[in-house]
Amino acid sequence: MLFKIGIEKPENADTAYSIVIPALCNSNYSAFSASDNFEDIVANAKDAAFNIMEEMATNGDLNLREISELNKIDFTGHPDYKDFKEWAYIDIDLDAVFGKQKRINVSLPDLLIAHIDQVVQAGGRYKDRSDFLSKAALYQLTENRP
């Protein structure tokens, strides 16, 4: 899932880059981080995102649809983030947040399985059939669907 991050440049050599992930900030949680080096911004932002989402999941507050909707908002003019002049996207694989994998038995029509296998084999987008089904389920959970 793509996450929008705000970056505040350091004022001088003694301060760090400030990082915020607005889609993971609400009245109960906040996703802020800092980085001494520009090169470490993405890694530090991912670490902050994982920590907050893990806490949300543990508390039963992880709402992927809400997070997905918040990620679509333009926060550049938002008063809470006025100091964050640069914005970027980072891609976070949510598999690590959801915990270890569990095997389940799923029945699908032969033709559907064949189409899934074609898509998996056609490119490097999916590791295998399970990865395809997992990403399809995440898509359904995060998009505005009935």
Protein backbone atom coordinates (compact mmCIF):
# COMPACT_ATOMS: atom_id res chain seq x y z
CA MET A 1 0.00 0.00 0.00
CA LEU A 2 1.25 3.48 -0.80
CA PHE A 3 1.55 5.89 2.10
CA LYS A 4 1.93 9.64 1.75
CA ILE A 5 4.67 11.03 3.99
CA GLY A 6 5.49 14.63 4.85
CA ILE A 7 9.12 15.68 5.19
CA GLU A 8 10.35 18.73 7.07
CA LYS A 9 13.90 19.73 6.21
CA PRO A 10 16.29 20.33 9.10
CA GLU A 11 16.83 23.97 10.07
CA ASN A 12 20.55 23.44 10.59
CA ALA A 13 23.22 20.74 10.90
CA ASP A 14 22.20 19.98 14.50
CA THR A 15 18.61 19.00 13.67
CA ALA A 16 17.09 16.06 11.82
CA TYR A 17 14.54 15.62 9.05
CA SER A 18 11.05 15.32 10.55
CA ILE A 19 8.71 12.74 9.05
CA VAL A 20 4.93 12.37 9.38
CA ILE A 21 2.48 9.82 7.98
CA PRO A 22 -0.91 11.61 8.18
CA ALA A 23 -3.00 8.56 7.25
CA LEU A 24 -1.81 6.91 10.46
CA CYS A 25 -2.50 9.92 12.68
CA ASN A 26 -5.77 10.34 14.55
CA SER A 27 -6.94 11.13 18.06
CA ASN A 28 -5.45 7.87 19.40
CA TYR A 29 -2.30 7.40 17.32
CA SER A 30 0.40 9.44 15.64
CA ALA A 31 3.02 8.36 13.14
CA PHE A 32 6.01 10.66 13.38
CA SER A 33 9.68 9.90 12.97
CA ALA A 34 12.98 11.63 12.34
CA SER A 35 16.05 10.97 10.29
CA ASP A 36 19.55 12.39 10.59
CA ASN A 37 20.26 11.52 6.95
CA PHE A 38 18.12 12.05 3.87
CA GLU A 39 18.93 8.50 2.75
CA ASP A 40 17.30 7.02 5.88
CA ILE A 41 13.94 8.79 5.53
CA VAL A 42 12.14 5.91 3.78
CA ALA A 43 13.46 3.26 6.19
CA ASN A 44 12.55 5.36 9.23
CA ALA A 45 9.09 6.15 7.85
CA LYS A 46 8.45 2.46 7.18
CA ASP A 47 9.57 1.59 10.70
CA ALA A 48 7.20 4.20 12.18
CA ALA A 49 4.34 2.94 10.00
CA PHE A 50 4.90 -0.69 11.00
CA ASN A 51 5.04 0.20 14.69
CA ILE A 52 1.81 2.21 14.61
CA MET A 53 -0.09 -0.31 12.47
CA GLU A 54 1.08 -3.14 14.73
CA GLU A 55 -0.24 -1.22 17.73
CA MET A 56 -3.50 -0.47 15.90
CA ALA A 57 -3.90 -4.14 14.95
CA THR A 58 -3.18 -5.28 18.52
CA ASN A 59 -5.84 -2.88 19.83
CA GLY A 60 -8.37 -3.81 17.12
CA ASP A 61 -8.16 -0.33 15.58
CA LEU A 62 -6.52 -1.13 12.23
CA ASN A 63 -8.97 0.04 9.56
CA LEU A 64 -7.40 -0.38 6.12
CA ARG A 65 -10.30 1.27 4.29
CA GLU A 66 -10.00 4.40 6.44
CA ILE A 67 -6.21 4.48 6.02
CA SER A 68 -6.59 4.08 2.25
CA GLU A 69 -9.05 6.99 2.10
CA LEU A 70 -6.78 9.20 4.23
CA ASN A 71 -3.87 8.43 1.91
CA LYS A 72 -5.82 10.08 -0.93
CA ILE A 73 -6.06 13.44 0.86
CA ASP A 74 -3.79 16.34 -0.07
CA PHE A 75 -2.29 17.42 3.25
CA THR A 76 -0.10 20.21 1.84
CA GLY A 77 -2.43 22.94 3.12
CA HIS A 78 -3.47 21.22 6.34
CA PRO A 79 -2.62 23.36 9.39
CA ASP A 80 -1.32 20.39 11.40
CA TYR A 81 1.31 19.73 8.73
CA LYS A 82 2.24 23.28 7.68
CA ASP A 83 5.95 22.71 8.45
CA PHE A 84 6.14 19.72 6.10
CA LYS A 85 7.01 21.31 2.76
CA GLU A 86 7.96 18.15 0.87
CA TRP A 87 5.69 15.18 0.28
CA ALA A 88 6.46 11.73 -1.09
CA TYR A 89 4.97 8.26 -1.29
CA ILE A 90 6.45 5.11 0.18
CA ASP A 91 5.30 1.60 -0.60
CA ILE A 92 4.74 -0.58 2.44
CA ASP A 93 4.12 -4.31 2.13
CA LEU A 94 1.38 -4.96 4.67
CA ASP A 95 2.18 -8.68 4.98
CA ALA A 96 4.53 -7.95 7.90
CA VAL A 97 1.76 -6.13 9.78
CA PHE A 98 -0.76 -8.95 9.51
CA GLY A 99 1.45 -11.60 11.07
CA LYS A 100 2.50 -15.02 9.93
CA GLN A 101 0.69 -16.76 7.14
CA LYS A 102 -1.94 -19.40 7.76
CA ARG A 103 -2.92 -22.06 5.28
CA ILE A 104 -6.59 -22.18 4.29
CA ASN A 105 -8.52 -24.31 1.82
CA VAL A 106 -10.19 -22.26 -0.93
CA SER A 107 -12.31 -23.62 -3.77
CA LEU A 108 -12.27 -21.75 -7.08
CA PRO A 109 -13.44 -22.64 -10.59
CA ASP A 110 -10.79 -24.15 -12.89
CA LEU A 111 -10.99 -21.30 -15.39
CA LEU A 112 -10.48 -18.67 -12.67
CA ILE A 113 -7.45 -20.55 -11.33
CA ALA A 114 -6.02 -20.73 -14.87
CA HIS A 115 -6.45 -16.95 -15.30
CA ILE A 116 -4.82 -16.26 -11.93
CA ASP A 117 -1.90 -18.51 -12.85
CA GLN A 118 -1.49 -16.70 -16.19
CA VAL A 119 -1.29 -13.34 -14.43
CA VAL A 120 1.18 -14.66 -11.85
CA GLN A 121 3.41 -16.20 -14.53
CA ALA A 122 3.23 -13.15 -16.85
CA GLY A 123 5.31 -10.85 -14.69
CA GLY A 124 7.09 -10.21 -11.45
CA ARG A 125 4.14 -8.50 -9.78
CA TYR A 126 3.07 -11.55 -7.75
CA LYS A 127 5.25 -14.15 -6.08
CA ASP A 128 2.70 -16.93 -6.44
CA ARG A 129 -1.05 -17.68 -6.44
CA SER A 130 -1.32 -17.02 -2.69
CA ASP A 131 0.34 -13.62 -3.08
CA PHE A 132 -2.13 -12.76 -5.86
CA LEU A 133 -5.14 -13.75 -3.72
CA SER A 134 -3.75 -11.91 -0.69
CA LYS A 135 -3.26 -8.69 -2.70
CA ALA A 136 -6.71 -9.04 -4.26
CA ALA A 137 -8.24 -9.37 -0.79
CA LEU A 138 -6.31 -6.33 0.47
CA TYR A 139 -7.51 -4.35 -2.54
CA GLN A 140 -11.11 -5.21 -1.72
CA LEU A 141 -10.60 -4.26 1.92
CA THR A 142 -8.93 -0.91 1.20
CA GLU A 143 -10.94 0.37 -1.74
CA ASN A 144 -14.33 1.99 -1.22
CA ARG A 145 -16.39 -1.09 -1.97
CA PRO A 146 -19.74 -2.22 -0.55
